[in-house]
Amino acid sequence: MLKIKHFSGRRATGRHASMGSSMVELALILPVLLILVFGVVDFGRALLFNNIMVNMGREGANLAARTTSSSPFIIKALTDTAAPLDMSNQGGMVYIARVQGVTVGGTVRANVIELYRAPAANTTLVSKVWTCGANSWDTNGATSGKCNLPAGQNLIPIANWTLPLADGDEVRVAEVLYHYTPLTGYVMKNAVDLYSATVL
């Protein structure tokens, strides 16, 4: 024989009330949880991009200092292998500089000998080694992306240059800049320009 259980009105109402209060709690907590999750994802993405840039800078300086490859070739190789960074679509820029110690008035100063950049990239991201004028960049074939530096000037490339250089010493500086746009606007309100430089 089939037995049918009957619930009192008070028990059924209690169960529905419990489910209703759980839904209200979820509706209140879910936006906070989503904000936290998206914030962590955005911050993690920025850290990932920064780590990629640091590795690009190290590799660029290493190649520039230890190989006979031209700076435009090295810059192209770095930008082609920068995924997930979009270096070619106005997102980033790579600079490679050759800096030499030159004695001026009895003190050794850092002097920029050469400066190259990616020819077709974000021109608003400027080098911190030397700011080359907008019309000073070469656009011809093999030397495309070379800065035509002022002749005969002893330039100080970095405002707070701390690396000791002897007269005639040369180093390579690889700079990687990236215009990071956050996925969400509530963690970082505006885009941030990430920067990494390696001296070798």
Protein backbone atom coordinates (compact mmCIF):
# COMPACT_ATOMS: atom_id res chain seq x y z
CA MET A 1 0.00 0.00 0.00
CA LEU A 2 1.30 3.46 -0.96
CA LYS A 3 1.80 5.84 1.93
CA ILE A 4 1.60 9.52 1.32
CA LYS A 5 3.46 11.86 3.64
CA HIS A 6 1.80 15.09 4.49
CA PHE A 7 3.80 18.13 5.49
CA SER A 8 2.43 20.77 7.69
CA GLY A 9 2.16 24.28 6.30
CA ARG A 10 4.79 25.47 8.78
CA ARG A 11 7.47 23.01 7.54
CA ALA A 12 6.91 23.83 3.85
CA THR A 13 7.03 27.54 4.53
CA GLY A 14 10.29 27.13 6.46
CA ARG A 15 11.95 25.28 3.58
CA HIS A 16 10.88 27.92 1.02
CA ALA A 17 12.02 30.70 3.33
CA SER A 18 15.43 29.03 3.70
CA MET A 19 15.82 28.73 -0.08
CA GLY A 20 14.75 32.34 -0.53
CA SER A 21 17.25 33.64 2.01
CA SER A 22 20.05 31.61 0.33
CA MET A 23 19.22 33.21 -3.01
CA VAL A 24 19.28 36.68 -1.46
CA GLU A 25 22.66 35.97 0.19
CA LEU A 26 24.08 34.71 -3.12
CA ALA A 27 22.78 37.81 -4.93
CA LEU A 28 24.51 40.02 -2.35
CA ILE A 29 27.84 38.16 -2.26
CA LEU A 30 28.23 37.27 -5.96
CA PRO A 31 29.15 40.80 -7.18
CA VAL A 32 31.85 41.07 -4.50
CA LEU A 33 33.25 37.67 -5.43
CA LEU A 34 33.27 38.56 -9.14
CA ILE A 35 35.07 41.83 -8.43
CA LEU A 36 37.73 39.95 -6.45
CA VAL A 37 38.14 37.26 -9.13
CA PHE A 38 38.43 39.73 -12.02
CA GLY A 39 40.81 41.91 -9.99
CA VAL A 40 43.10 38.94 -9.33
CA VAL A 41 42.95 37.93 -13.01
CA ASP A 42 43.79 41.48 -14.13
CA PHE A 43 46.66 41.79 -11.66
CA GLY A 44 47.99 38.35 -12.64
CA ARG A 45 47.83 39.31 -16.32
CA ALA A 46 49.83 42.50 -15.65
CA LEU A 47 52.46 40.46 -13.75
CA LEU A 48 52.66 37.96 -16.62
CA PHE A 49 53.19 40.75 -19.15
CA ASN A 50 55.86 42.32 -16.94
CA ASN A 51 57.72 38.99 -16.63
CA ILE A 52 57.62 38.53 -20.40
CA MET A 53 59.05 42.04 -20.83
CA VAL A 54 61.87 41.36 -18.35
CA ASN A 55 62.80 38.20 -20.26
CA MET A 56 62.63 40.07 -23.58
CA GLY A 57 64.96 42.75 -22.23
CA ARG A 58 67.45 40.19 -20.95
CA GLU A 59 67.43 38.29 -24.22
CA GLY A 60 67.73 41.49 -26.25
CA ALA A 61 70.69 42.80 -24.26
CA ASN A 62 72.36 39.37 -24.36
CA LEU A 63 71.98 39.08 -28.14
CA ALA A 64 73.13 42.66 -28.71
CA ALA A 65 76.23 42.20 -26.52
CA ARG A 66 77.29 38.69 -27.59
CA THR A 67 76.35 38.31 -31.25
CA THR A 68 77.08 40.09 -34.50
CA SER A 69 73.38 40.29 -35.37
CA SER A 70 72.17 43.78 -36.18
CA SER A 71 69.94 45.61 -33.72
CA PRO A 72 66.99 45.75 -36.17
CA PHE A 73 67.17 41.95 -36.57
CA ILE A 74 67.26 41.44 -32.78
CA ILE A 75 64.32 43.81 -32.26
CA LYS A 76 62.28 42.01 -34.94
CA ALA A 77 63.07 38.62 -33.36
CA LEU A 78 61.98 39.90 -29.94
CA THR A 79 58.73 41.42 -31.17
CA ASP A 80 57.87 38.34 -33.24
CA THR A 81 58.18 36.06 -30.20
CA ALA A 82 56.52 38.32 -27.62
CA ALA A 83 53.11 36.58 -27.50
CA PRO A 84 50.74 37.16 -25.73
CA LEU A 85 52.03 40.78 -25.87
CA ASP A 86 50.88 42.54 -29.03
CA MET A 87 54.04 44.48 -29.80
CA SER A 88 53.20 45.20 -33.44
CA ASN A 89 49.74 46.73 -33.04
CA GLN A 90 50.57 49.99 -31.23
CA GLY A 91 50.88 48.05 -27.99
CA GLY A 92 54.61 48.02 -27.32
CA MET A 93 58.08 49.16 -28.28
CA VAL A 94 61.61 47.75 -28.07
CA TYR A 95 64.74 49.92 -28.00
CA ILE A 96 68.35 48.77 -28.15
CA ALA A 97 71.09 51.26 -27.33
CA ARG A 98 74.87 51.08 -27.41
CA VAL A 99 76.32 53.18 -24.61
CA GLN A 100 80.01 54.02 -24.17
CA GLY A 101 81.98 55.60 -21.35
CA VAL A 102 83.59 58.84 -22.53
CA THR A 103 85.86 61.10 -20.48
CA VAL A 104 84.62 64.69 -20.47
CA GLY A 105 86.35 67.26 -18.26
CA GLY A 106 88.10 64.58 -16.21
CA THR A 107 84.94 62.53 -15.48
CA VAL A 108 83.61 59.54 -17.36
CA ARG A 109 80.10 60.03 -18.71
CA ALA A 110 77.75 57.64 -20.45
CA ASN A 111 77.52 58.48 -24.12
CA VAL A 112 74.92 57.05 -26.51
CA ILE A 113 76.64 55.70 -29.64
CA GLU A 114 73.63 54.01 -31.30
CA LEU A 115 69.91 53.77 -30.64
CA TYR A 116 67.47 51.53 -32.53
CA ARG A 117 63.75 50.92 -32.17
CA ALA A 118 61.08 48.81 -33.80
CA PRO A 119 60.11 50.82 -36.90
CA ALA A 120 56.36 50.10 -36.85
CA ALA A 121 55.23 50.13 -33.25
CA ASN A 122 53.86 52.50 -30.61
CA THR A 123 55.75 55.76 -31.11
CA THR A 124 54.28 57.29 -27.93
CA LEU A 125 56.40 54.92 -25.83
CA VAL A 126 59.74 56.74 -25.75
CA SER A 127 63.13 55.48 -24.66
CA LYS A 128 64.42 56.48 -21.24
CA VAL A 129 67.98 56.16 -22.50
CA TRP A 130 67.73 58.90 -25.12
CA THR A 131 64.75 60.78 -26.49
CA CYS A 132 65.20 60.88 -30.24
CA GLY A 133 63.24 63.56 -32.11
CA ALA A 134 60.24 62.48 -34.17
CA ASN A 135 62.01 63.39 -37.43
CA SER A 136 65.37 61.87 -36.40
CA TRP A 137 64.43 58.22 -37.01
CA ASP A 138 65.80 56.59 -40.16
CA THR A 139 63.26 54.86 -42.38
CA ASN A 140 65.60 53.40 -45.01
CA GLY A 141 65.78 49.62 -45.46
CA ALA A 142 68.50 47.96 -43.37
CA THR A 143 68.96 50.95 -41.05
CA SER A 144 65.24 51.45 -40.52
CA GLY A 145 64.55 52.32 -36.92
CA LYS A 146 67.95 53.93 -36.24
CA CYS A 147 68.06 57.25 -34.43
CA ASN A 148 70.23 59.85 -36.14
CA LEU A 149 71.99 61.12 -33.03
CA PRO A 150 73.42 64.64 -32.89
CA ALA A 151 77.08 64.50 -33.92
CA GLY A 152 79.85 65.45 -31.53
CA GLN A 153 77.77 65.63 -28.39
CA ASN A 154 78.52 63.81 -25.18
CA LEU A 155 75.08 62.70 -24.12
CA ILE A 156 74.03 61.49 -20.70
CA PRO A 157 71.52 58.74 -21.54
CA ILE A 158 69.89 58.01 -18.19
CA ALA A 159 69.27 60.68 -15.59
CA ASN A 160 70.41 58.47 -12.72
CA TRP A 161 73.04 56.37 -14.49
CA THR A 162 74.68 54.36 -11.70
CA LEU A 163 76.66 51.75 -13.63
CA PRO A 164 80.35 52.65 -13.40
CA LEU A 165 81.92 52.91 -16.85
CA ALA A 166 85.61 53.33 -17.60
CA ASP A 167 86.70 55.39 -20.59
CA GLY A 168 86.02 53.31 -23.70
CA ASP A 169 83.81 50.71 -21.95
CA GLU A 170 80.68 49.75 -23.89
CA VAL A 171 77.39 48.30 -22.72
CA ARG A 172 74.13 47.42 -24.46
CA VAL A 173 70.80 48.56 -23.07
CA ALA A 174 67.61 46.76 -24.13
CA GLU A 175 64.40 48.54 -23.18
CA VAL A 176 60.95 47.01 -23.51
CA LEU A 177 57.86 49.19 -23.08
CA TYR A 178 54.24 48.09 -23.23
CA HIS A 179 50.94 49.96 -23.06
CA TYR A 180 48.95 47.68 -20.77
CA THR A 181 45.18 48.03 -20.98
CA PRO A 182 43.38 46.38 -18.05
CA LEU A 183 40.52 43.99 -18.70
CA THR A 184 38.38 45.76 -16.14
CA GLY A 185 38.30 49.42 -15.25
CA TYR A 186 37.66 49.11 -11.53
CA VAL A 187 41.08 47.67 -10.58
CA MET A 188 43.15 50.12 -12.62
CA LYS A 189 41.20 53.07 -13.96
CA ASN A 190 43.59 53.88 -16.81
CA ALA A 191 46.01 52.02 -19.03
CA VAL A 192 49.52 51.68 -17.59
CA ASP A 193 52.83 51.87 -19.44
CA LEU A 194 54.97 48.97 -18.25
CA TYR A 195 58.76 49.33 -18.54
CA SER A 196 61.73 47.01 -18.30
CA ALA A 197 65.40 47.67 -19.07
CA THR A 198 68.45 45.41 -19.04
CA VAL A 199 72.05 46.63 -19.21
CA LEU A 200 74.71 44.14 -20.31
